[in-house]
Protein backbone atom coordinates (compact mmCIF):
# COMPACT_ATOMS: atom_id res chain seq x y z
CA MET A 1 120.91 86.67 102.07
CA ALA A 2 117.42 88.15 102.33
CA LYS A 3 114.37 85.94 102.80
CA VAL A 4 111.08 86.67 101.06
CA THR A 5 108.00 84.81 102.28
CA LEU A 6 105.05 84.62 99.91
CA ILE A 7 101.75 84.05 101.74
CA GLY A 8 99.31 82.78 99.13
CA ALA A 9 102.04 81.48 96.81
CA GLY A 10 99.42 79.23 95.23
CA SER A 11 98.21 82.33 93.41
CA VAL A 12 100.70 81.11 90.85
CA ILE A 13 100.26 83.82 88.22
CA PHE A 14 101.01 86.58 90.72
CA ALA A 15 103.76 84.63 92.50
CA LYS A 16 105.42 84.01 89.12
CA GLN A 17 105.63 87.74 88.45
CA VAL A 18 106.96 88.70 91.88
CA MET A 19 109.67 86.03 91.88
CA ALA A 20 110.76 86.76 88.31
CA ASP A 21 110.97 90.50 89.05
CA ILE A 22 113.03 89.93 92.20
CA LEU A 23 115.48 87.59 90.47
CA SER A 24 116.02 90.12 87.67
CA PHE A 25 118.23 92.11 90.07
CA PRO A 26 121.78 90.68 90.32
CA GLU A 27 121.98 91.77 93.97
CA LEU A 28 118.92 89.63 94.83
CA GLN A 29 119.74 86.40 93.03
CA ASP A 30 120.92 84.63 96.19
CA ILE A 31 117.60 85.29 97.90
CA THR A 32 115.55 82.70 99.78
CA PHE A 33 111.93 82.24 98.75
CA SER A 34 109.65 80.67 101.33
CA LEU A 35 106.38 79.74 99.63
CA MET A 36 103.32 79.17 101.78
CA ASP A 37 99.77 78.20 100.80
CA ILE A 38 96.93 76.16 102.26
CA ASP A 39 96.37 74.34 98.94
CA ALA A 40 98.96 71.57 98.66
CA GLU A 41 98.68 71.15 94.88
CA ARG A 42 98.94 74.84 94.13
CA LEU A 43 101.90 75.07 96.51
CA ARG A 44 103.63 72.19 94.72
CA VAL A 45 103.24 73.95 91.36
CA ALA A 46 104.52 77.23 92.81
CA GLY A 47 107.57 75.39 94.14
CA LEU A 48 108.32 73.88 90.73
CA MET A 49 108.08 77.29 89.15
CA ALA A 50 110.34 78.95 91.74
CA LYS A 51 112.99 76.26 91.28
CA GLN A 52 112.88 76.72 87.51
CA PHE A 53 113.36 80.48 87.88
CA SER A 54 116.27 79.95 90.27
CA GLU A 55 117.99 77.50 87.93
CA LYS A 56 117.66 79.91 85.01
CA ARG A 57 119.44 82.54 87.13
CA GLY A 58 122.32 80.31 88.12
CA GLY A 59 120.68 78.37 90.94
CA LYS A 60 121.70 80.77 93.71
CA ALA A 61 118.19 81.34 95.06
CA ARG A 62 116.93 78.90 97.68
CA VAL A 63 113.30 77.70 97.60
CA GLU A 64 111.30 76.44 100.57
CA THR A 65 107.67 75.32 100.49
CA THR A 66 105.39 74.84 103.48
CA MET A 67 101.75 74.86 104.47
CA ASP A 68 102.72 76.11 107.94
CA ARG A 69 102.57 79.91 108.08
CA LYS A 70 104.70 80.19 111.20
CA GLU A 71 107.40 78.04 109.63
CA ALA A 72 107.36 80.21 106.52
CA LEU A 73 107.84 83.36 108.60
CA LYS A 74 110.98 82.18 110.43
CA GLY A 75 113.82 84.49 109.46
CA ALA A 76 111.69 86.43 106.97
CA ASP A 77 112.82 89.92 105.98
CA TYR A 78 109.90 90.56 103.62
CA VAL A 79 106.43 89.06 103.59
CA VAL A 80 104.33 89.37 100.43
CA HIS A 81 100.63 88.79 101.10
CA ALA A 82 98.36 87.78 98.19
CA ILE A 83 95.46 85.59 99.24
CA GLN A 84 91.86 85.14 98.17
CA VAL A 85 89.80 83.60 100.94
CA GLY A 86 87.09 81.28 99.66
CA GLY A 87 88.36 81.24 96.08
CA HIS A 88 86.02 81.07 93.11
CA GLU A 89 83.06 79.75 95.13
CA ALA A 90 83.06 82.77 97.45
CA THR A 91 83.36 85.06 94.43
CA LEU A 92 80.19 83.52 92.98
CA PHE A 93 78.31 84.22 96.22
CA ASP A 94 79.44 87.85 96.06
CA PHE A 95 77.91 88.18 92.59
CA ASP A 96 74.96 85.77 92.58
CA ILE A 97 73.24 86.90 95.78
CA PRO A 98 73.34 90.65 94.98
CA ARG A 99 72.09 89.86 91.45
CA LYS A 100 68.98 88.27 93.02
CA TYR A 101 68.17 91.66 94.50
CA GLY A 102 68.76 93.47 91.20
CA LEU A 103 72.27 94.70 92.06
CA LYS A 104 74.76 94.32 89.21
CA GLN A 105 78.55 94.42 89.77
CA THR A 106 81.65 94.37 87.59
CA ILE A 107 84.65 93.48 89.79
CA ALA A 108 83.31 93.55 93.39
CA ASP A 109 86.71 93.52 95.10
CA THR A 110 87.06 97.08 96.41
CA ILE A 111 83.88 98.49 97.94
CA GLY A 112 80.24 97.66 97.29
CA VAL A 113 78.72 94.63 98.94
CA GLY A 114 81.17 92.32 97.14
CA GLY A 115 84.17 94.31 98.31
CA VAL A 116 82.86 94.50 101.87
CA PHE A 117 82.38 90.75 102.15
CA ARG A 118 85.69 90.02 100.49
CA GLY A 119 87.19 92.24 103.18
CA LEU A 120 85.30 90.46 105.97
CA ARG A 121 86.67 87.12 104.76
CA THR A 122 90.23 88.37 104.43
CA ILE A 123 90.74 90.57 107.50
CA PRO A 124 90.85 87.67 110.04
CA PRO A 125 93.71 85.76 108.34
CA LEU A 126 95.53 89.04 107.71
CA LEU A 127 95.34 89.93 111.40
CA ASP A 128 96.49 86.41 112.30
CA LEU A 129 99.46 86.88 109.98
CA LEU A 130 100.32 90.19 111.66
CA LYS A 131 100.22 88.54 115.10
CA ASP A 132 102.53 85.78 113.87
CA MET A 133 104.91 88.36 112.43
CA GLU A 134 104.98 90.27 115.72
CA GLU A 135 106.08 87.05 117.39
CA ILE A 136 108.37 85.51 114.76
CA CYS A 137 109.77 88.27 112.52
CA PRO A 138 108.87 91.64 114.10
CA ASP A 139 111.34 93.59 111.95
CA ALA A 140 110.08 92.24 108.64
CA TYR A 141 108.15 94.32 106.11
CA LEU A 142 104.66 93.27 105.05
CA LEU A 143 103.83 94.07 101.42
CA ASN A 144 100.13 93.49 100.88
CA TYR A 145 98.67 92.87 97.42
CA SER A 146 95.31 91.40 98.49
CA ASN A 147 92.07 93.25 97.83
CA PRO A 148 90.06 95.10 99.01
CA MET A 149 93.26 97.09 99.45
CA ALA A 150 92.01 100.10 101.43
CA ILE A 151 89.79 98.02 103.75
CA LEU A 152 92.55 95.49 104.48
CA SER A 153 95.21 98.18 104.87
CA LEU A 154 93.11 100.21 107.28
CA ALA A 155 92.39 97.11 109.38
CA ALA A 156 96.09 96.18 109.42
CA LEU A 157 97.34 99.66 110.23
CA LYS A 158 94.84 100.06 113.09
CA SER A 159 95.75 96.65 114.54
CA SER A 160 99.52 96.26 114.36
CA GLY A 161 102.83 98.10 114.42
CA ILE A 162 104.40 95.83 111.79
CA LYS A 163 106.02 97.79 108.96
CA TYR A 164 103.25 97.64 106.38
CA VAL A 165 102.39 99.04 102.98
CA GLY A 166 99.60 98.16 100.56
CA LEU A 167 100.64 97.83 96.91
CA CYS A 168 98.65 98.04 93.70
CA HIS A 169 99.59 98.36 90.04
CA SER A 170 96.86 100.78 88.96
CA VAL A 171 99.14 103.86 89.01
CA GLN A 172 101.80 102.23 86.82
CA HIS A 173 99.30 100.71 84.41
CA THR A 174 97.33 103.93 84.05
CA SER A 175 100.43 106.06 83.53
CA GLU A 176 101.54 103.69 80.76
CA LYS A 177 98.10 103.85 79.16
CA LEU A 178 98.05 107.67 79.29
CA ALA A 179 101.50 107.83 77.71
CA LYS A 180 100.28 105.52 74.93
CA TYR A 181 97.19 107.68 74.35
CA LEU A 182 99.38 110.78 74.05
CA GLU A 183 102.13 109.04 72.06
CA VAL A 184 104.99 109.91 74.41
CA PRO A 185 107.60 107.48 75.83
CA TRP A 186 106.35 106.28 79.21
CA GLU A 187 109.90 106.22 80.60
CA GLU A 188 110.15 109.97 80.01
CA THR A 189 106.94 110.91 81.82
CA ASN A 190 106.65 112.29 85.32
CA TYR A 191 103.50 112.17 87.43
CA PHE A 192 102.17 112.90 90.89
CA VAL A 193 99.22 110.76 91.97
CA ALA A 194 97.27 110.80 95.24
CA GLY A 195 93.88 109.86 96.66
CA ILE A 196 92.69 106.44 97.78
CA ASN A 197 93.35 103.01 96.29
CA HIS A 198 91.58 102.54 92.95
CA MET A 199 90.39 106.14 93.17
CA ALA A 200 93.60 108.15 93.17
CA TRP A 201 94.05 111.07 90.82
CA PHE A 202 96.69 112.16 88.33
CA LEU A 203 97.27 115.60 89.84
CA ARG A 204 100.27 116.06 87.56
CA PHE A 205 101.26 114.29 84.34
CA GLU A 206 104.23 115.65 82.40
CA HIS A 207 106.68 114.85 79.63
CA LYS A 208 110.06 116.56 79.98
CA GLY A 209 108.46 119.35 82.01
CA ARG A 210 105.51 119.81 79.65
CA ASP A 211 102.04 119.57 81.22
CA LEU A 212 100.20 116.79 79.37
CA ARG A 213 96.85 117.15 81.10
CA PRO A 214 95.42 119.59 78.52
CA LEU A 215 96.16 116.99 75.83
CA LEU A 216 94.13 114.43 77.75
CA PHE A 217 91.06 116.62 77.38
CA LYS A 218 91.55 116.63 73.62
CA CYS A 219 91.23 112.83 73.80
CA LEU A 220 87.55 113.33 74.65
CA GLU A 221 87.04 114.14 70.98
CA LYS A 222 89.11 111.19 69.70
CA LEU A 223 86.62 108.33 69.68
CA GLU A 224 89.23 105.57 69.32
CA ILE A 225 90.75 106.75 72.62
CA TYR A 226 87.56 107.80 74.43
CA ASN A 227 85.87 104.49 73.58
CA ASP A 228 88.76 102.59 75.17
CA ASN A 229 87.99 104.06 78.61
CA LYS A 230 84.56 105.68 78.51
CA VAL A 231 83.83 105.81 82.23
CA ARG A 232 87.20 107.26 83.19
CA PHE A 233 87.15 109.86 80.44
CA GLU A 234 83.59 110.81 81.36
CA MET A 235 84.61 111.27 85.00
CA MET A 236 87.60 113.37 83.89
CA ARG A 237 85.26 115.52 81.80
CA ARG A 238 83.17 116.24 84.93
CA LEU A 239 85.87 116.39 87.62
CA GLY A 240 88.92 117.65 85.72
CA TYR A 241 91.31 114.81 86.63
CA PHE A 242 92.00 111.27 85.40
CA VAL A 243 91.50 108.43 87.89
CA THR A 244 93.83 105.49 88.43
CA GLU A 245 91.62 102.43 88.16
CA SER A 246 89.95 101.00 85.07
CA SER A 247 86.54 101.95 83.74
CA GLU A 248 85.03 98.62 84.83
CA HIS A 249 86.23 99.30 88.36
CA MET A 250 85.27 102.96 88.44
CA ALA A 251 81.75 102.26 87.20
CA GLU A 252 80.87 100.51 90.46
CA TYR A 253 82.46 103.07 92.79
CA VAL A 254 79.96 105.76 91.81
CA PRO A 255 76.16 105.84 91.36
CA TYR A 256 76.09 107.07 87.77
CA PHE A 257 76.69 104.21 85.36
CA ILE A 258 75.17 100.83 86.31
CA LYS A 259 71.76 102.05 87.40
CA ARG A 260 70.07 101.57 83.99
CA GLU A 261 70.49 99.23 81.03
CA ASP A 262 70.84 102.10 78.58
CA LEU A 263 73.78 103.50 80.59
CA ILE A 264 75.41 100.07 80.83
CA GLY A 265 75.26 99.84 77.04
CA LYS A 266 76.30 103.42 76.40
CA TYR A 267 79.43 103.13 78.55
CA ASP A 268 80.31 99.50 77.65
CA ILE A 269 80.24 98.34 81.27
CA PRO A 270 81.18 94.62 81.59
CA ILE A 271 78.79 93.24 84.21
CA ASP A 272 80.13 90.16 86.08
CA GLU A 273 83.61 90.76 84.66
CA TYR A 274 85.47 89.40 87.69
CA VAL A 275 83.65 86.07 87.48
CA ARG A 276 85.02 85.63 83.95
CA ARG A 277 88.51 86.63 85.11
CA SER A 278 88.32 84.14 87.96
CA ILE A 279 87.54 81.35 85.51
CA ARG A 280 90.41 82.46 83.26
CA ASN A 281 92.79 82.45 86.23
CA MET A 282 91.82 78.87 87.10
CA ASN A 283 92.50 77.87 83.50
CA ARG A 284 95.83 79.70 83.52
CA PHE A 285 96.86 77.76 86.62
CA GLU A 286 96.14 74.47 84.85
CA ASP A 287 98.12 75.63 81.80
CA THR A 288 101.07 76.63 84.01
CA LYS A 289 100.95 73.29 85.79
CA LYS A 290 101.03 71.35 82.49
CA THR A 291 103.94 73.45 81.20
CA LEU A 292 106.03 72.84 84.32
CA GLU A 293 105.26 69.13 84.52
CA SER A 294 106.22 68.68 80.88
CA GLY A 295 109.63 70.21 81.60
CA ASN A 296 109.07 73.30 79.48
CA ASP A 297 110.03 76.81 80.52
CA ILE A 298 107.50 79.26 81.87
CA GLU A 299 107.49 82.46 79.86
CA VAL A 300 107.45 85.65 81.91
CA LYS A 301 108.01 89.30 81.15
CA LEU A 302 109.33 91.67 83.78
CA SER A 303 106.70 93.98 85.21
CA HIS A 304 106.37 97.31 86.98
CA GLU A 305 104.95 95.73 90.14
CA TYR A 306 106.45 97.56 93.09
CA ALA A 307 107.47 94.64 95.34
CA ALA A 308 110.80 93.76 93.70
CA TYR A 309 111.85 97.41 93.41
CA ILE A 310 110.99 98.05 97.07
CA ILE A 311 112.96 95.01 98.24
CA HIS A 312 115.91 96.03 96.07
CA SER A 313 115.85 99.56 97.52
CA LEU A 314 115.64 98.33 101.11
CA GLU A 315 118.52 95.92 100.50
CA THR A 316 120.83 98.22 98.50
CA GLY A 317 119.85 101.74 99.56
CA HIS A 318 118.93 102.71 95.99
CA GLU A 319 116.22 105.33 96.52
CA ARG A 320 112.98 105.08 94.57
CA SER A 321 109.47 106.45 94.62
CA PHE A 322 106.32 104.36 94.50
CA ASN A 323 102.64 104.84 95.34
CA GLY A 324 101.71 103.09 98.56
CA ASN A 325 98.62 102.63 100.70
CA VAL A 326 99.30 104.01 104.17
CA LEU A 327 97.48 105.60 107.10
CA ASN A 328 96.57 109.23 106.51
CA THR A 329 98.81 110.91 109.09
CA GLY A 330 98.11 114.40 107.76
CA LEU A 331 99.31 113.47 104.28
CA ILE A 332 96.07 114.48 102.53
CA THR A 333 94.65 117.23 104.69
CA ASN A 334 91.04 117.17 103.47
CA LEU A 335 90.60 113.41 103.99
CA PRO A 336 90.09 111.85 107.46
CA ALA A 337 93.05 110.99 109.65
CA ASP A 338 91.66 107.49 110.27
CA SER A 339 91.48 106.61 106.59
CA CYS A 340 93.83 104.76 104.25
CA VAL A 341 95.26 106.90 101.46
CA GLU A 342 97.37 106.11 98.42
CA VAL A 343 100.23 108.59 98.08
CA PRO A 344 103.77 108.76 96.69
CA CYS A 345 106.32 107.18 99.05
CA LEU A 346 110.09 107.21 99.05
CA VAL A 347 111.92 103.99 99.88
CA ASN A 348 115.58 103.42 100.77
CA ARG A 349 117.50 101.66 103.54
CA ASN A 350 115.54 103.72 106.08
CA GLY A 351 112.23 102.20 105.03
CA PHE A 352 109.14 103.93 103.64
CA GLN A 353 108.62 107.68 103.82
CA PRO A 354 105.16 108.75 102.62
CA VAL A 355 105.08 112.14 100.90
CA TYR A 356 102.95 115.08 102.08
CA VAL A 357 100.26 115.94 99.53
CA GLY A 358 98.16 118.65 101.18
CA LYS A 359 94.64 119.32 99.96
CA LEU A 360 93.11 117.49 97.06
CA PRO A 361 90.85 119.52 94.79
CA PRO A 362 87.58 119.55 96.78
CA GLN A 363 85.52 117.63 94.22
CA LEU A 364 88.07 114.80 94.28
CA ALA A 365 88.16 114.66 98.06
CA ALA A 366 84.35 114.62 98.11
CA LEU A 367 84.17 111.62 95.80
CA ASN A 368 86.91 109.84 97.76
CA MET A 369 84.86 110.36 100.92
CA THR A 370 81.92 108.42 99.48
CA ASN A 371 84.21 105.38 99.31
CA ILE A 372 86.06 106.07 102.56
CA ASN A 373 82.72 106.00 104.40
CA VAL A 374 82.21 102.40 103.27
CA GLN A 375 85.79 101.41 104.08
CA GLN A 376 85.71 102.83 107.61
CA LEU A 377 82.38 101.22 108.48
CA ALA A 378 83.44 97.84 107.06
CA VAL A 379 86.64 97.90 109.12
CA GLU A 380 84.75 98.99 112.24
CA GLY A 381 82.42 96.04 111.77
CA ALA A 382 85.25 93.60 111.07
CA LEU A 383 87.25 94.61 114.15
CA SER A 384 84.27 94.82 116.54
CA HIS A 385 82.34 91.88 115.03
CA LYS A 386 79.21 94.04 115.11
CA LYS A 387 76.87 93.28 112.24
CA ASP A 388 75.18 96.70 112.33
CA TYR A 389 78.33 98.33 110.93
CA ILE A 390 78.22 95.99 107.94
CA TYR A 391 74.63 96.93 107.16
CA HIS A 392 75.69 100.58 107.41
CA ALA A 393 78.74 100.09 105.19
CA VAL A 394 76.64 98.58 102.40
CA MET A 395 73.90 101.15 102.98
CA MET A 396 76.44 103.96 102.38
CA ASP A 397 77.90 102.40 99.24
CA PRO A 398 77.26 104.79 96.32
CA HIS A 399 76.28 102.17 93.74
CA THR A 400 74.25 99.95 96.10
CA SER A 401 72.29 102.88 97.51
CA SER A 402 71.42 104.03 93.98
CA GLU A 403 69.82 100.64 93.22
CA LEU A 404 68.38 99.04 96.36
CA SER A 405 65.95 99.89 99.14
CA LEU A 406 66.94 99.60 102.78
CA ASP A 407 64.95 96.38 103.18
CA GLU A 408 66.68 94.91 100.13
CA ILE A 409 70.10 95.90 101.49
CA TRP A 410 69.41 94.29 104.86
CA GLY A 411 68.09 91.09 103.24
CA MET A 412 71.05 90.86 100.86
CA VAL A 413 73.58 91.31 103.67
CA ASP A 414 71.86 88.63 105.75
CA GLU A 415 71.99 86.17 102.84
CA LEU A 416 75.68 86.86 102.27
CA PHE A 417 76.47 86.28 105.95
CA GLU A 418 74.68 82.95 105.75
CA ALA A 419 76.28 81.94 102.45
CA HIS A 420 79.86 82.65 103.57
CA GLY A 421 79.30 80.81 106.85
CA ASN A 422 82.55 79.57 108.38
CA LEU A 423 84.66 81.88 106.23
CA LEU A 424 83.55 84.70 108.52
CA PRO A 425 84.03 85.15 112.26
CA LYS A 426 80.96 85.24 114.49
CA PHE A 427 79.12 88.58 114.35
CA LYS A 428 76.70 89.91 116.91
């Protein structure tokens, strides 16, 4: 009987999906879930939900809840990491302080000053988790879902030998969206995607051997499709390839779209979008809590999140492919070796096997590098506790550098260090 430990199980909406997906496999219905969170009330609700899911599948799954991370890791085979350090309050700091300086953001969880500080808050507990795993469950797999994915993954992979992969749903969601645009069954499509997290590229997209990429360019003239994803289609028009993450994300990874009000309007860019999502997520937690406490069933649809499929493959030997965030060990030859890349990976009983990609088209590698620069400097600062690297990371950010002066960047970074206070380690 495998044991899956969920670190951050109080992120109830995500935990719900992972547990439901896992229990959809008959071979995994006698699994043990160990739910861990630092918020007692959220943990209680997650436990109620897990028990309901187990009962609906015959009651074979065992459910443990604990606020002690080391206890949760005992006997773990798989550790799913999904935490948000500082919660909604820290998110507001990440948006409100940059806005004072004239810097607008949409999601602020990947790069940019918001992504960098989210990474600085999250790297210390992630490294603590890795140390605990080395001591308690050294053979377990760590499946990370927390953002900023590339920054956290690079810090983890440079710091520990634990079997690690970073997981995101942008490849699956985008492939489904592209299939819908082109009116082909998603299940019949085939694609090859590589790059970095949130900025990987559909190098191949096919239906029954037919190249669909030329049809995507025809979508540029179909306003009902183009208007659904203006930033991504505009980047495809210029670069020749479709990117994996949404237009609201992509807009803040590059210097072209948020720099003027007319561009924000033209490309329908939702400023402060993540703040609204954070509020919605808090409301969804309260709704879930009321449903469970009233004895009603939680509705859930199965998803294409990778975690359950990976665990099933590792347990049964059923081979699958997924896109994972791993260290670039020569996988993409025109990106740095000390960067985190998102590439196809095979998984079976032997673990993960990342797939060799070779060279990306040079324009794609060049744009990836503008984000990798920020990621590498942020990780260097986080691991060395040297503040200068954090200034440099934000200074190199494409969107920030298109909007702010050096003095403004330094002042903004200082204010964010002060605002986040004890959520950050001491920097020098």
